[in-house]
Amino acid sequence: MPFVQGRLRSEPLSVAVRTECAHCAQPINFEIDSELEYRIEEKEAAPLVFVPTVNFGELTEPSIVDVF
């Protein structure tokens, strides 16, 4: 995800996600950046967006994967 790579590399990154609702198959398109800002293209879409509960400032493991 861009928020992990962007923070590890100390540079702004973003990613565009093109997917669909698992329930109704309506398209959902959104962008998320390394500052955890996101923009959803479809006005009627309301996907659940969350931030992992990891304190990156105290992360000592070599990878975020090791925390989970």
PDB file of N, CA and C in Angstrom:
ATOM      1  N   MET A   1       0.834  -1.182   0.000  1.00  0.00           N
ATOM      2  CA  MET A   1       0.000   0.000   0.000  1.00  0.00           C
ATOM      3  C   MET A   1       0.876   1.242   0.000  1.00  0.00           C
ATOM      4  N   PRO A   2       0.387   2.294  -0.590  1.00  0.00           N
ATOM      5  CA  PRO A   2       1.215   3.496  -0.712  1.00  0.00           C
ATOM      6  C   PRO A   2       1.566   4.145   0.610  1.00  0.00           C
ATOM      7  N   PHE A   3       0.689   4.024   1.626  1.00  0.00           N
ATOM      8  CA  PHE A   3       1.018   4.685   2.884  1.00  0.00           C
ATOM      9  C   PHE A   3       2.213   4.036   3.552  1.00  0.00           C
ATOM     10  N   VAL A   4       2.398   2.740   3.373  1.00  0.00           N
ATOM     11  CA  VAL A   4       3.564   2.054   3.951  1.00  0.00           C
ATOM     12  C   VAL A   4       4.811   2.394   3.141  1.00  0.00           C
ATOM     13  N   GLN A   5       4.760   2.210   1.829  1.00  0.00           N
ATOM     14  CA  GLN A   5       5.917   2.501   0.972  1.00  0.00           C
ATOM     15  C   GLN A   5       6.315   3.964   1.051  1.00  0.00           C
ATOM     16  N   GLY A   6       5.332   4.850   1.009  1.00  0.00           N
ATOM     17  CA  GLY A   6       5.627   6.277   1.044  1.00  0.00           C
ATOM     18  C   GLY A   6       6.332   6.687   2.327  1.00  0.00           C
ATOM     19  N   ARG A   7       5.885   6.134   3.443  1.00  0.00           N
ATOM     20  CA  ARG A   7       6.517   6.471   4.720  1.00  0.00           C
ATOM     21  C   ARG A   7       7.897   5.832   4.842  1.00  0.00           C
ATOM     22  N   LEU A   8       8.043   4.615   4.367  1.00  0.00           N
ATOM     23  CA  LEU A   8       9.353   3.961   4.432  1.00  0.00           C
ATOM     24  C   LEU A   8      10.372   4.664   3.542  1.00  0.00           C
ATOM     25  N   ARG A   9       9.930   5.161   2.404  1.00  0.00           N
ATOM     26  CA  ARG A   9      10.836   5.811   1.455  1.00  0.00           C
ATOM     27  C   ARG A   9      10.885   7.321   1.621  1.00  0.00           C
ATOM     28  N   SER A  10      10.059   7.861   2.514  1.00  0.00           N
ATOM     29  CA  SER A  10       9.962   9.308   2.739  1.00  0.00           C
ATOM     30  C   SER A  10       9.690  10.085   1.451  1.00  0.00           C
ATOM     31  N   GLU A  11       8.744   9.576   0.674  1.00  0.00           N
ATOM     32  CA  GLU A  11       8.334  10.267  -0.546  1.00  0.00           C
ATOM     33  C   GLU A  11       6.841  10.042  -0.768  1.00  0.00           C
ATOM     34  N   PRO A  12       6.158  11.011  -1.356  1.00  0.00           N
ATOM     35  CA  PRO A  12       4.717  10.861  -1.579  1.00  0.00           C
ATOM     36  C   PRO A  12       4.424   9.841  -2.677  1.00  0.00           C
ATOM     37  N   LEU A  13       3.504   8.945  -2.391  1.00  0.00           N
ATOM     38  CA  LEU A  13       3.069   7.936  -3.352  1.00  0.00           C
ATOM     39  C   LEU A  13       1.551   7.860  -3.326  1.00  0.00           C
ATOM     40  N   SER A  14       0.965   7.358  -4.400  1.00  0.00           N
ATOM     41  CA  SER A  14      -0.475   7.134  -4.432  1.00  0.00           C
ATOM     42  C   SER A  14      -0.771   5.931  -5.317  1.00  0.00           C
ATOM     43  N   VAL A  15      -1.962   5.384  -5.139  1.00  0.00           N
ATOM     44  CA  VAL A  15      -2.383   4.242  -5.941  1.00  0.00           C
ATOM     45  C   VAL A  15      -3.868   4.424  -6.286  1.00  0.00           C
ATOM     46  N   ALA A  16      -4.236   4.020  -7.495  1.00  0.00           N
ATOM     47  CA  ALA A  16      -5.633   4.026  -7.925  1.00  0.00           C
ATOM     48  C   ALA A  16      -6.145   2.594  -7.865  1.00  0.00           C
ATOM     49  N   VAL A  17      -7.298   2.409  -7.252  1.00  0.00           N
ATOM     50  CA  VAL A  17      -7.890   1.078  -7.093  1.00  0.00           C
ATOM     51  C   VAL A  17      -9.195   1.043  -7.869  1.00  0.00           C
ATOM     52  N   ARG A  18      -9.325   0.058  -8.727  1.00  0.00           N
ATOM     53  CA  ARG A  18     -10.541  -0.176  -9.499  1.00  0.00           C
ATOM     54  C   ARG A  18     -11.072  -1.535  -9.055  1.00  0.00           C
ATOM     55  N   THR A  19     -12.235  -1.550  -8.423  1.00  0.00           N
ATOM     56  CA  THR A  19     -12.791  -2.793  -7.907  1.00  0.00           C
ATOM     57  C   THR A  19     -14.306  -2.736  -8.029  1.00  0.00           C
ATOM     58  N   GLU A  20     -14.987  -3.659  -7.365  1.00  0.00           N
ATOM     59  CA  GLU A  20     -16.445  -3.638  -7.362  1.00  0.00           C
ATOM     60  C   GLU A  20     -16.947  -4.143  -6.022  1.00  0.00           C
ATOM     61  N   CYS A  21     -18.166  -3.758  -5.705  1.00  0.00           N
ATOM     62  CA  CYS A  21     -18.795  -4.177  -4.462  1.00  0.00           C
ATOM     63  C   CYS A  21     -19.027  -5.693  -4.503  1.00  0.00           C
ATOM     64  N   ALA A  22     -18.648  -6.380  -3.438  1.00  0.00           N
ATOM     65  CA  ALA A  22     -18.840  -7.832  -3.373  1.00  0.00           C
ATOM     66  C   ALA A  22     -20.324  -8.184  -3.243  1.00  0.00           C
ATOM     67  N   HIS A  23     -21.113  -7.243  -2.784  1.00  0.00           N
ATOM     68  CA  HIS A  23     -22.540  -7.493  -2.580  1.00  0.00           C
ATOM     69  C   HIS A  23     -23.364  -7.258  -3.842  1.00  0.00           C
ATOM     70  N   CYS A  24     -23.164  -6.087  -4.489  1.00  0.00           N
ATOM     71  CA  CYS A  24     -24.031  -5.726  -5.617  1.00  0.00           C
ATOM     72  C   CYS A  24     -23.297  -5.598  -6.952  1.00  0.00           C
ATOM     73  N   ALA A  25     -21.983  -5.757  -6.965  1.00  0.00           N
ATOM     74  CA  ALA A  25     -21.152  -5.706  -8.170  1.00  0.00           C
ATOM     75  C   ALA A  25     -21.067  -4.318  -8.803  1.00  0.00           C
ATOM     76  N   GLN A  26     -21.474  -3.278  -8.092  1.00  0.00           N
ATOM     77  CA  GLN A  26     -21.308  -1.924  -8.601  1.00  0.00           C
ATOM     78  C   GLN A  26     -19.832  -1.549  -8.558  1.00  0.00           C
ATOM     79  N   PRO A  27     -19.341  -0.833  -9.556  1.00  0.00           N
ATOM     80  CA  PRO A  27     -17.927  -0.449  -9.547  1.00  0.00           C
ATOM     81  C   PRO A  27     -17.613   0.530  -8.420  1.00  0.00           C
ATOM     82  N   ILE A  28     -16.421   0.394  -7.863  1.00  0.00           N
ATOM     83  CA  ILE A  28     -15.904   1.325  -6.864  1.00  0.00           C
ATOM     84  C   ILE A  28     -14.481   1.663  -7.303  1.00  0.00           C
ATOM     85  N   ASN A  29     -14.226   2.938  -7.523  1.00  0.00           N
ATOM     86  CA  ASN A  29     -12.908   3.407  -7.933  1.00  0.00           C
ATOM     87  C   ASN A  29     -12.449   4.456  -6.938  1.00  0.00           C
ATOM     88  N   PHE A  30     -11.258   4.271  -6.403  1.00  0.00           N
ATOM     89  CA  PHE A  30     -10.754   5.256  -5.462  1.00  0.00           C
ATOM     90  C   PHE A  30      -9.238   5.350  -5.538  1.00  0.00           C
ATOM     91  N   GLU A  31      -8.728   6.458  -5.027  1.00  0.00           N
ATOM     92  CA  GLU A  31      -7.286   6.685  -4.930  1.00  0.00           C
ATOM     93  C   GLU A  31      -6.943   6.880  -3.465  1.00  0.00           C
ATOM     94  N   ILE A  32      -5.780   6.392  -3.050  1.00  0.00           N
ATOM     95  CA  ILE A  32      -5.290   6.583  -1.691  1.00  0.00           C
ATOM     96  C   ILE A  32      -3.816   6.948  -1.781  1.00  0.00           C
ATOM     97  N   ASP A  33      -3.375   7.851  -0.903  1.00  0.00           N
ATOM     98  CA  ASP A  33      -1.982   8.282  -0.970  1.00  0.00           C
ATOM     99  C   ASP A  33      -1.230   7.957   0.318  1.00  0.00           C
ATOM    100  N   SER A  34       0.034   8.331   0.345  1.00  0.00           N
ATOM    101  CA  SER A  34       0.902   7.983   1.472  1.00  0.00           C
ATOM    102  C   SER A  34       0.574   8.778   2.729  1.00  0.00           C
ATOM    103  N   GLU A  35      -0.336   9.739   2.640  1.00  0.00           N
ATOM    104  CA  GLU A  35      -0.792  10.471   3.824  1.00  0.00           C
ATOM    105  C   GLU A  35      -2.151   9.950   4.298  1.00  0.00           C
ATOM    106  N   LEU A  36      -2.580   8.813   3.722  1.00  0.00           N
ATOM    107  CA  LEU A  36      -3.855   8.166   4.031  1.00  0.00           C
ATOM    108  C   LEU A  36      -5.060   9.001   3.617  1.00  0.00           C
ATOM    109  N   GLU A  37      -4.861   9.910   2.693  1.00  0.00           N
ATOM    110  CA  GLU A  37      -5.973  10.658   2.116  1.00  0.00           C
ATOM    111  C   GLU A  37      -6.540   9.810   0.984  1.00  0.00           C
ATOM    112  N   TYR A  38      -7.859   9.749   0.897  1.00  0.00           N
ATOM    113  CA  TYR A  38      -8.461   8.973  -0.189  1.00  0.00           C
ATOM    114  C   TYR A  38      -9.584   9.759  -0.838  1.00  0.00           C
ATOM    115  N   ARG A  39      -9.854   9.416  -2.091  1.00  0.00           N
ATOM    116  CA  ARG A  39     -10.916  10.046  -2.878  1.00  0.00           C
ATOM    117  C   ARG A  39     -11.674   8.945  -3.596  1.00  0.00           C
ATOM    118  N   ILE A  40     -12.981   8.899  -3.374  1.00  0.00           N
ATOM    119  CA  ILE A  40     -13.842   7.906  -4.008  1.00  0.00           C
ATOM    120  C   ILE A  40     -14.541   8.567  -5.185  1.00  0.00           C
ATOM    121  N   GLU A  41     -14.444   7.977  -6.366  1.00  0.00           N
ATOM    122  CA  GLU A  41     -15.011   8.581  -7.571  1.00  0.00           C
ATOM    123  C   GLU A  41     -16.537   8.529  -7.591  1.00  0.00           C
ATOM    124  N   GLU A  42     -17.121   7.420  -7.217  1.00  0.00           N
ATOM    125  CA  GLU A  42     -18.575   7.266  -7.258  1.00  0.00           C
ATOM    126  C   GLU A  42     -19.192   7.949  -6.036  1.00  0.00           C
ATOM    127  N   LYS A  43     -20.030   8.933  -6.278  1.00  0.00           N
ATOM    128  CA  LYS A  43     -20.632   9.710  -5.190  1.00  0.00           C
ATOM    129  C   LYS A  43     -21.498   8.843  -4.275  1.00  0.00           C
ATOM    130  N   GLU A  44     -22.173   7.851  -4.838  1.00  0.00           N
ATOM    131  CA  GLU A  44     -23.086   7.021  -4.049  1.00  0.00           C
ATOM    132  C   GLU A  44     -22.377   5.879  -3.309  1.00  0.00           C
ATOM    133  N   ALA A  45     -21.139   5.617  -3.636  1.00  0.00           N
ATOM    134  CA  ALA A  45     -20.409   4.525  -2.984  1.00  0.00           C
ATOM    135  C   ALA A  45     -19.992   4.922  -1.565  1.00  0.00           C
ATOM    136  N   ALA A  46     -20.017   3.968  -0.652  1.00  0.00           N
ATOM    137  CA  ALA A  46     -19.620   4.219   0.740  1.00  0.00           C
ATOM    138  C   ALA A  46     -18.810   3.026   1.261  1.00  0.00           C
ATOM    139  N   PRO A  47     -17.654   2.752   0.645  1.00  0.00           N
ATOM    140  CA  PRO A  47     -16.858   1.611   1.106  1.00  0.00           C
ATOM    141  C   PRO A  47     -16.273   1.878   2.494  1.00  0.00           C
ATOM    142  N   LEU A  48     -15.997   0.813   3.209  1.00  0.00           N
ATOM    143  CA  LEU A  48     -15.344   0.932   4.504  1.00  0.00           C
ATOM    144  C   LEU A  48     -13.851   1.064   4.272  1.00  0.00           C
ATOM    145  N   VAL A  49     -13.270   2.146   4.739  1.00  0.00           N
ATOM    146  CA  VAL A  49     -11.839   2.397   4.615  1.00  0.00           C
ATOM    147  C   VAL A  49     -11.284   2.508   6.020  1.00  0.00           C
ATOM    148  N   PHE A  50     -10.197   1.772   6.312  1.00  0.00           N
ATOM    149  CA  PHE A  50      -9.653   1.800   7.658  1.00  0.00           C
ATOM    150  C   PHE A  50      -8.134   1.859   7.626  1.00  0.00           C
ATOM    151  N   VAL A  51      -7.573   2.234   8.748  1.00  0.00           N
ATOM    152  CA  VAL A  51      -6.129   2.326   8.915  1.00  0.00           C
ATOM    153  C   VAL A  51      -5.702   1.215   9.865  1.00  0.00           C
ATOM    154  N   PRO A  52      -4.675   0.446   9.536  1.00  0.00           N
ATOM    155  CA  PRO A  52      -4.207  -0.583  10.459  1.00  0.00           C
ATOM    156  C   PRO A  52      -3.767   0.043  11.780  1.00  0.00           C
ATOM    157  N   THR A  53      -4.003  -0.642  12.867  1.00  0.00           N
ATOM    158  CA  THR A  53      -3.632  -0.115  14.183  1.00  0.00           C
ATOM    159  C   THR A  53      -2.196  -0.518  14.532  1.00  0.00           C
ATOM    160  N   VAL A  54      -1.276   0.101  13.848  1.00  0.00           N
ATOM    161  CA  VAL A  54       0.152  -0.118  14.073  1.00  0.00           C
ATOM    162  C   VAL A  54       0.789   1.238  14.315  1.00  0.00           C
ATOM    163  N   ASN A  55       1.553   1.369  15.385  1.00  0.00           N
ATOM    164  CA  ASN A  55       2.254   2.620  15.658  1.00  0.00           C
ATOM    165  C   ASN A  55       3.548   2.594  14.857  1.00  0.00           C
ATOM    166  N   PHE A  56       3.544   3.261  13.699  1.00  0.00           N
ATOM    167  CA  PHE A  56       4.709   3.239  12.820  1.00  0.00           C
ATOM    168  C   PHE A  56       5.924   3.902  13.450  1.00  0.00           C
ATOM    169  N   GLY A  57       5.694   4.836  14.365  1.00  0.00           N
ATOM    170  CA  GLY A  57       6.798   5.507  15.034  1.00  0.00           C
ATOM    171  C   GLY A  57       7.581   4.588  15.959  1.00  0.00           C
ATOM    172  N   GLU A  58       6.933   3.529  16.440  1.00  0.00           N
ATOM    173  CA  GLU A  58       7.588   2.582  17.347  1.00  0.00           C
ATOM    174  C   GLU A  58       7.837   1.220  16.700  1.00  0.00           C
ATOM    175  N   LEU A  59       7.625   1.131  15.411  1.00  0.00           N
ATOM    176  CA  LEU A  59       7.789  -0.134  14.697  1.00  0.00           C
ATOM    177  C   LEU A  59       9.259  -0.538  14.671  1.00  0.00           C
ATOM    178  N   THR A  60       9.576  -1.690  15.259  1.00  0.00           N
ATOM    179  CA  THR A  60      10.959  -2.175  15.283  1.00  0.00           C
ATOM    180  C   THR A  60      11.152  -3.398  14.384  1.00  0.00           C
ATOM    181  N   GLU A  61      10.053  -4.021  13.968  1.00  0.00           N
ATOM    182  CA  GLU A  61      10.140  -5.182  13.094  1.00  0.00           C
ATOM    183  C   GLU A  61      10.620  -4.749  11.711  1.00  0.00           C
ATOM    184  N   PRO A  62      11.244  -5.647  10.975  1.00  0.00           N
ATOM    185  CA  PRO A  62      11.756  -5.282   9.645  1.00  0.00           C
ATOM    186  C   PRO A  62      10.649  -5.001   8.629  1.00  0.00           C
ATOM    187  N   SER A  63       9.442  -5.465   8.882  1.00  0.00           N
ATOM    188  CA  SER A  63       8.333  -5.281   7.947  1.00  0.00           C
ATOM    189  C   SER A  63       7.029  -5.173   8.707  1.00  0.00           C
ATOM    190  N   ILE A  64       6.085  -4.425   8.169  1.00  0.00           N
ATOM    191  CA  ILE A  64       4.760  -4.336   8.800  1.00  0.00           C
ATOM    192  C   ILE A  64       4.085  -5.695   8.849  1.00  0.00           C
ATOM    193  N   VAL A  65       4.418  -6.564   7.902  1.00  0.00           N
ATOM    194  CA  VAL A  65       3.840  -7.911   7.868  1.00  0.00           C
ATOM    195  C   VAL A  65       4.184  -8.666   9.152  1.00  0.00           C
ATOM    196  N   ASP A  66       5.368  -8.416   9.721  1.00  0.00           N
ATOM    197  CA  ASP A  66       5.780  -9.095  10.940  1.00  0.00           C
ATOM    198  C   ASP A  66       4.955  -8.658  12.149  1.00  0.00           C
ATOM    199  N   VAL A  67       4.312  -7.512  12.089  1.00  0.00           N
ATOM    200  CA  VAL A  67       3.496  -7.026  13.210  1.00  0.00           C
ATOM    201  C   VAL A  67       2.194  -7.800  13.289  1.00  0.00           C
ATOM    202  N   PHE A  68       1.649  -8.175  12.146  1.00  0.00           N
ATOM    203  CA  PHE A  68       0.372  -8.881  12.137  1.00  0.00           C
ATOM    204  C   PHE A  68       0.594 -10.354  12.295  1.00  0.00           C
TER     205      PHE A  68
END
